Amino acid sequence: MLTYLHIPYKGSVQLSTDLIGGQVQVGILGFASFIPHIRSGKLKLLGISSSVKVSSWPDAQL
């Protein structure tokens, strides 16, 4: 069983800092701001909440 705790961030900068620093394990936000971190391997894209494939990430799970 997974347990989640909602942490209200004011923006993507704080969330990305905490994700990269290991303070939080999962984040849900528009992925455009995370593209550099995903490409560098610092973050892993688990999925995209869209009904259509995203051309820049064709292998991402919907």
PDB file of N, CA and C in Angstrom:
ATOM      1  N   MET A   1       0.841  -1.183   0.000  1.00  0.00           N
ATOM      2  CA  MET A   1       0.000   0.000   0.000  1.00  0.00           C
ATOM      3  C   MET A   1       0.882   1.240   0.000  1.00  0.00           C
ATOM      4  N   LEU A   2       0.537   2.191  -0.824  1.00  0.00           N
ATOM      5  CA  LEU A   2       1.273   3.448  -0.882  1.00  0.00           C
ATOM      6  C   LEU A   2       0.564   4.500  -0.047  1.00  0.00           C
ATOM      7  N   THR A   3       1.344   5.314   0.623  1.00  0.00           N
ATOM      8  CA  THR A   3       0.799   6.412   1.409  1.00  0.00           C
ATOM      9  C   THR A   3       1.343   7.714   0.844  1.00  0.00           C
ATOM     10  N   TYR A   4       0.462   8.644   0.566  1.00  0.00           N
ATOM     11  CA  TYR A   4       0.857   9.939   0.024  1.00  0.00           C
ATOM     12  C   TYR A   4       0.507  11.051   0.997  1.00  0.00           C
ATOM     13  N   LEU A   5       1.334  12.085   1.005  1.00  0.00           N
ATOM     14  CA  LEU A   5       1.080  13.276   1.803  1.00  0.00           C
ATOM     15  C   LEU A   5       1.106  14.469   0.853  1.00  0.00           C
ATOM     16  N   HIS A   6       0.032  15.235   0.791  1.00  0.00           N
ATOM     17  CA  HIS A   6      -0.022  16.412  -0.072  1.00  0.00           C
ATOM     18  C   HIS A   6       0.843  17.512   0.528  1.00  0.00           C
ATOM     19  N   ILE A   7       1.769  18.023  -0.276  1.00  0.00           N
ATOM     20  CA  ILE A   7       2.626  19.139   0.135  1.00  0.00           C
ATOM     21  C   ILE A   7       2.360  20.278  -0.846  1.00  0.00           C
ATOM     22  N   PRO A   8       1.726  21.358  -0.403  1.00  0.00           N
ATOM     23  CA  PRO A   8       1.378  22.452  -1.320  1.00  0.00           C
ATOM     24  C   PRO A   8       2.585  23.346  -1.639  1.00  0.00           C
ATOM     25  N   TYR A   9       3.146  23.183  -2.828  1.00  0.00           N
ATOM     26  CA  TYR A   9       4.254  24.025  -3.272  1.00  0.00           C
ATOM     27  C   TYR A   9       3.699  25.239  -3.995  1.00  0.00           C
ATOM     28  N   LYS A  10       4.421  26.357  -3.905  1.00  0.00           N
ATOM     29  CA  LYS A  10       3.993  27.577  -4.592  1.00  0.00           C
ATOM     30  C   LYS A  10       4.425  27.596  -6.053  1.00  0.00           C
ATOM     31  N   GLY A  11       5.342  26.715  -6.430  1.00  0.00           N
ATOM     32  CA  GLY A  11       5.800  26.695  -7.808  1.00  0.00           C
ATOM     33  C   GLY A  11       6.707  25.526  -8.094  1.00  0.00           C
ATOM     34  N   SER A  12       7.095  25.405  -9.360  1.00  0.00           N
ATOM     35  CA  SER A  12       7.899  24.266  -9.788  1.00  0.00           C
ATOM     36  C   SER A  12       9.337  24.321  -9.286  1.00  0.00           C
ATOM     37  N   VAL A  13       9.858  25.510  -9.018  1.00  0.00           N
ATOM     38  CA  VAL A  13      11.246  25.626  -8.554  1.00  0.00           C
ATOM     39  C   VAL A  13      11.426  24.919  -7.217  1.00  0.00           C
ATOM     40  N   GLN A  14      10.530  25.172  -6.283  1.00  0.00           N
ATOM     41  CA  GLN A  14      10.628  24.539  -4.970  1.00  0.00           C
ATOM     42  C   GLN A  14      10.435  23.025  -5.077  1.00  0.00           C
ATOM     43  N   LEU A  15       9.479  22.601  -5.897  1.00  0.00           N
ATOM     44  CA  LEU A  15       9.238  21.171  -6.067  1.00  0.00           C
ATOM     45  C   LEU A  15      10.434  20.486  -6.707  1.00  0.00           C
ATOM     46  N   SER A  16      10.983  21.062  -7.768  1.00  0.00           N
ATOM     47  CA  SER A  16      12.126  20.428  -8.429  1.00  0.00           C
ATOM     48  C   SER A  16      13.335  20.369  -7.508  1.00  0.00           C
ATOM     49  N   THR A  17      13.551  21.396  -6.703  1.00  0.00           N
ATOM     50  CA  THR A  17      14.650  21.382  -5.736  1.00  0.00           C
ATOM     51  C   THR A  17      14.486  20.232  -4.755  1.00  0.00           C
ATOM     52  N   ASP A  18      13.276  20.051  -4.240  1.00  0.00           N
ATOM     53  CA  ASP A  18      13.033  18.978  -3.275  1.00  0.00           C
ATOM     54  C   ASP A  18      13.069  17.597  -3.926  1.00  0.00           C
ATOM     55  N   LEU A  19      12.615  17.479  -5.173  1.00  0.00           N
ATOM     56  CA  LEU A  19      12.698  16.198  -5.868  1.00  0.00           C
ATOM     57  C   LEU A  19      14.151  15.800  -6.103  1.00  0.00           C
ATOM     58  N   ILE A  20      14.942  16.717  -6.639  1.00  0.00           N
ATOM     59  CA  ILE A  20      16.350  16.426  -6.915  1.00  0.00           C
ATOM     60  C   ILE A  20      17.121  16.183  -5.624  1.00  0.00           C
ATOM     61  N   GLY A  21      16.764  16.911  -4.568  1.00  0.00           N
ATOM     62  CA  GLY A  21      17.437  16.757  -3.282  1.00  0.00           C
ATOM     63  C   GLY A  21      16.980  15.562  -2.471  1.00  0.00           C
ATOM     64  N   GLY A  22      15.949  14.855  -2.952  1.00  0.00           N
ATOM     65  CA  GLY A  22      15.485  13.666  -2.252  1.00  0.00           C
ATOM     66  C   GLY A  22      14.562  13.937  -1.078  1.00  0.00           C
ATOM     67  N   GLN A  23      14.068  15.163  -0.949  1.00  0.00           N
ATOM     68  CA  GLN A  23      13.149  15.494   0.145  1.00  0.00           C
ATOM     69  C   GLN A  23      11.751  14.935  -0.103  1.00  0.00           C
ATOM     70  N   VAL A  24      11.359  14.834  -1.381  1.00  0.00           N
ATOM     71  CA  VAL A  24      10.096  14.212  -1.770  1.00  0.00           C
ATOM     72  C   VAL A  24      10.395  13.211  -2.885  1.00  0.00           C
ATOM     73  N   GLN A  25       9.565  12.198  -3.008  1.00  0.00           N
ATOM     74  CA  GLN A  25       9.823  11.134  -3.979  1.00  0.00           C
ATOM     75  C   GLN A  25       9.007  11.267  -5.264  1.00  0.00           C
ATOM     76  N   VAL A  26       7.865  11.945  -5.216  1.00  0.00           N
ATOM     77  CA  VAL A  26       6.983  12.054  -6.376  1.00  0.00           C
ATOM     78  C   VAL A  26       6.424  13.464  -6.455  1.00  0.00           C
ATOM     79  N   GLY A  27       6.325  13.989  -7.664  1.00  0.00           N
ATOM     80  CA  GLY A  27       5.720  15.301  -7.862  1.00  0.00           C
ATOM     81  C   GLY A  27       4.816  15.280  -9.080  1.00  0.00           C
ATOM     82  N   ILE A  28       3.745  16.029  -9.015  1.00  0.00           N
ATOM     83  CA  ILE A  28       2.816  16.122 -10.141  1.00  0.00           C
ATOM     84  C   ILE A  28       2.710  17.590 -10.527  1.00  0.00           C
ATOM     85  N   LEU A  29       3.143  17.889 -11.749  1.00  0.00           N
ATOM     86  CA  LEU A  29       3.147  19.267 -12.226  1.00  0.00           C
ATOM     87  C   LEU A  29       3.332  19.242 -13.732  1.00  0.00           C
ATOM     88  N   GLY A  30       3.066  20.342 -14.392  1.00  0.00           N
ATOM     89  CA  GLY A  30       3.333  20.436 -15.821  1.00  0.00           C
ATOM     90  C   GLY A  30       4.794  20.090 -16.076  1.00  0.00           C
ATOM     91  N   PHE A  31       5.036  19.151 -16.994  1.00  0.00           N
ATOM     92  CA  PHE A  31       6.392  18.633 -17.129  1.00  0.00           C
ATOM     93  C   PHE A  31       7.338  19.528 -17.911  1.00  0.00           C
ATOM     94  N   ALA A  32       6.845  20.594 -18.538  1.00  0.00           N
ATOM     95  CA  ALA A  32       7.717  21.464 -19.336  1.00  0.00           C
ATOM     96  C   ALA A  32       8.866  22.033 -18.511  1.00  0.00           C
ATOM     97  N   SER A  33       8.602  22.377 -17.265  1.00  0.00           N
ATOM     98  CA  SER A  33       9.661  22.942 -16.426  1.00  0.00           C
ATOM     99  C   SER A  33      10.664  21.890 -15.971  1.00  0.00           C
ATOM    100  N   PHE A  34      10.310  20.613 -16.102  1.00  0.00           N
ATOM    101  CA  PHE A  34      11.202  19.539 -15.659  1.00  0.00           C
ATOM    102  C   PHE A  34      11.998  18.907 -16.796  1.00  0.00           C
ATOM    103  N   ILE A  35      11.753  19.308 -18.036  1.00  0.00           N
ATOM    104  CA  ILE A  35      12.415  18.690 -19.186  1.00  0.00           C
ATOM    105  C   ILE A  35      13.935  18.654 -19.041  1.00  0.00           C
ATOM    106  N   PRO A  36      14.603  19.749 -18.663  1.00  0.00           N
ATOM    107  CA  PRO A  36      16.065  19.672 -18.528  1.00  0.00           C
ATOM    108  C   PRO A  36      16.512  18.641 -17.489  1.00  0.00           C
ATOM    109  N   HIS A  37      15.771  18.520 -16.398  1.00  0.00           N
ATOM    110  CA  HIS A  37      16.134  17.567 -15.345  1.00  0.00           C
ATOM    111  C   HIS A  37      15.861  16.127 -15.770  1.00  0.00           C
ATOM    112  N   ILE A  38      14.816  15.921 -16.563  1.00  0.00           N
ATOM    113  CA  ILE A  38      14.512  14.587 -17.077  1.00  0.00           C
ATOM    114  C   ILE A  38      15.579  14.177 -18.087  1.00  0.00           C
ATOM    115  N   ARG A  39      15.932  15.088 -18.982  1.00  0.00           N
ATOM    116  CA  ARG A  39      16.949  14.781 -19.998  1.00  0.00           C
ATOM    117  C   ARG A  39      18.321  14.534 -19.384  1.00  0.00           C
ATOM    118  N   SER A  40      18.626  15.226 -18.286  1.00  0.00           N
ATOM    119  CA  SER A  40      19.935  15.040 -17.650  1.00  0.00           C
ATOM    120  C   SER A  40      19.990  13.780 -16.798  1.00  0.00           C
ATOM    121  N   GLY A  41      18.821  13.175 -16.528  1.00  0.00           N
ATOM    122  CA  GLY A  41      18.786  11.969 -15.710  1.00  0.00           C
ATOM    123  C   GLY A  41      18.604  12.231 -14.228  1.00  0.00           C
ATOM    124  N   LYS A  42      18.480  13.495 -13.838  1.00  0.00           N
ATOM    125  CA  LYS A  42      18.276  13.820 -12.423  1.00  0.00           C
ATOM    126  C   LYS A  42      16.881  13.437 -11.950  1.00  0.00           C
ATOM    127  N   LEU A  43      15.906  13.491 -12.865  1.00  0.00           N
ATOM    128  CA  LEU A  43      14.532  13.100 -12.554  1.00  0.00           C
ATOM    129  C   LEU A  43      14.071  12.080 -13.585  1.00  0.00           C
ATOM    130  N   LYS A  44      13.118  11.235 -13.194  1.00  0.00           N
ATOM    131  CA  LYS A  44      12.573  10.224 -14.090  1.00  0.00           C
ATOM    132  C   LYS A  44      11.100  10.520 -14.353  1.00  0.00           C
ATOM    133  N   LEU A  45      10.730  10.531 -15.611  1.00  0.00           N
ATOM    134  CA  LEU A  45       9.341  10.737 -16.004  1.00  0.00           C
ATOM    135  C   LEU A  45       8.605   9.408 -15.875  1.00  0.00           C
ATOM    136  N   LEU A  46       7.607   9.360 -15.002  1.00  0.00           N
ATOM    137  CA  LEU A  46       6.839   8.130 -14.795  1.00  0.00           C
ATOM    138  C   LEU A  46       5.626   8.043 -15.706  1.00  0.00           C
ATOM    139  N   GLY A  47       5.051   9.178 -16.055  1.00  0.00           N
ATOM    140  CA  GLY A  47       3.872   9.175 -16.908  1.00  0.00           C
ATOM    141  C   GLY A  47       3.391  10.579 -17.188  1.00  0.00           C
ATOM    142  N   ILE A  48       2.447  10.661 -18.111  1.00  0.00           N
ATOM    143  CA  ILE A  48       1.865  11.938 -18.498  1.00  0.00           C
ATOM    144  C   ILE A  48       0.352  11.802 -18.386  1.00  0.00           C
ATOM    145  N   SER A  49      -0.288  12.762 -17.747  1.00  0.00           N
ATOM    146  CA  SER A  49      -1.754  12.713 -17.608  1.00  0.00           C
ATOM    147  C   SER A  49      -2.400  13.438 -18.783  1.00  0.00           C
ATOM    148  N   SER A  50      -2.426  12.751 -19.901  1.00  0.00           N
ATOM    149  CA  SER A  50      -2.982  13.297 -21.134  1.00  0.00           C
ATOM    150  C   SER A  50      -3.691  12.169 -21.871  1.00  0.00           C
ATOM    151  N   SER A  51      -4.661  12.517 -22.657  1.00  0.00           N
ATOM    152  CA  SER A  51      -5.363  11.497 -23.440  1.00  0.00           C
ATOM    153  C   SER A  51      -4.667  11.213 -24.767  1.00  0.00           C
ATOM    154  N   VAL A  52      -3.648  12.013 -25.090  1.00  0.00           N
ATOM    155  CA  VAL A  52      -2.894  11.817 -26.335  1.00  0.00           C
ATOM    156  C   VAL A  52      -1.400  11.776 -26.026  1.00  0.00           C
ATOM    157  N   LYS A  53      -0.661  11.109 -26.893  1.00  0.00           N
ATOM    158  CA  LYS A  53       0.791  11.040 -26.742  1.00  0.00           C
ATOM    159  C   LYS A  53       1.406  12.423 -26.936  1.00  0.00           C
ATOM    160  N   VAL A  54       2.502  12.661 -26.240  1.00  0.00           N
ATOM    161  CA  VAL A  54       3.252  13.907 -26.380  1.00  0.00           C
ATOM    162  C   VAL A  54       4.431  13.613 -27.296  1.00  0.00           C
ATOM    163  N   SER A  55       4.557  14.359 -28.377  1.00  0.00           N
ATOM    164  CA  SER A  55       5.566  14.054 -29.394  1.00  0.00           C
ATOM    165  C   SER A  55       6.990  14.073 -28.852  1.00  0.00           C
ATOM    166  N   SER A  56       7.272  14.924 -27.865  1.00  0.00           N
ATOM    167  CA  SER A  56       8.631  14.987 -27.322  1.00  0.00           C
ATOM    168  C   SER A  56       8.942  13.827 -26.379  1.00  0.00           C
ATOM    169  N   TRP A  57       7.903  13.102 -25.922  1.00  0.00           N
ATOM    170  CA  TRP A  57       8.091  11.949 -25.018  1.00  0.00           C
ATOM    171  C   TRP A  57       7.211  10.796 -25.491  1.00  0.00           C
ATOM    172  N   PRO A  58       7.477  10.219 -26.645  1.00  0.00           N
ATOM    173  CA  PRO A  58       6.591   9.192 -27.203  1.00  0.00           C
ATOM    174  C   PRO A  58       6.507   7.914 -26.370  1.00  0.00           C
ATOM    175  N   ASP A  59       7.505   7.627 -25.543  1.00  0.00           N
ATOM    176  CA  ASP A  59       7.496   6.403 -24.738  1.00  0.00           C
ATOM    177  C   ASP A  59       6.864   6.587 -23.367  1.00  0.00           C
ATOM    178  N   ALA A  60       6.448   7.800 -23.022  1.00  0.00           N
ATOM    179  CA  ALA A  60       5.862   8.064 -21.702  1.00  0.00           C
ATOM    180  C   ALA A  60       4.500   7.391 -21.583  1.00  0.00           C
ATOM    181  N   GLN A  61       4.238   6.840 -20.412  1.00  0.00           N
ATOM    182  CA  GLN A  61       2.949   6.202 -20.146  1.00  0.00           C
ATOM    183  C   GLN A  61       1.864   7.267 -20.009  1.00  0.00           C
ATOM    184  N   LEU A  62       0.707   6.990 -20.550  1.00  0.00           N
ATOM    185  CA  LEU A  62      -0.431   7.905 -20.424  1.00  0.00           C
ATOM    186  C   LEU A  62      -1.240   7.544 -19.210  1.00  0.00           C
TER     187      LEU A  62
END
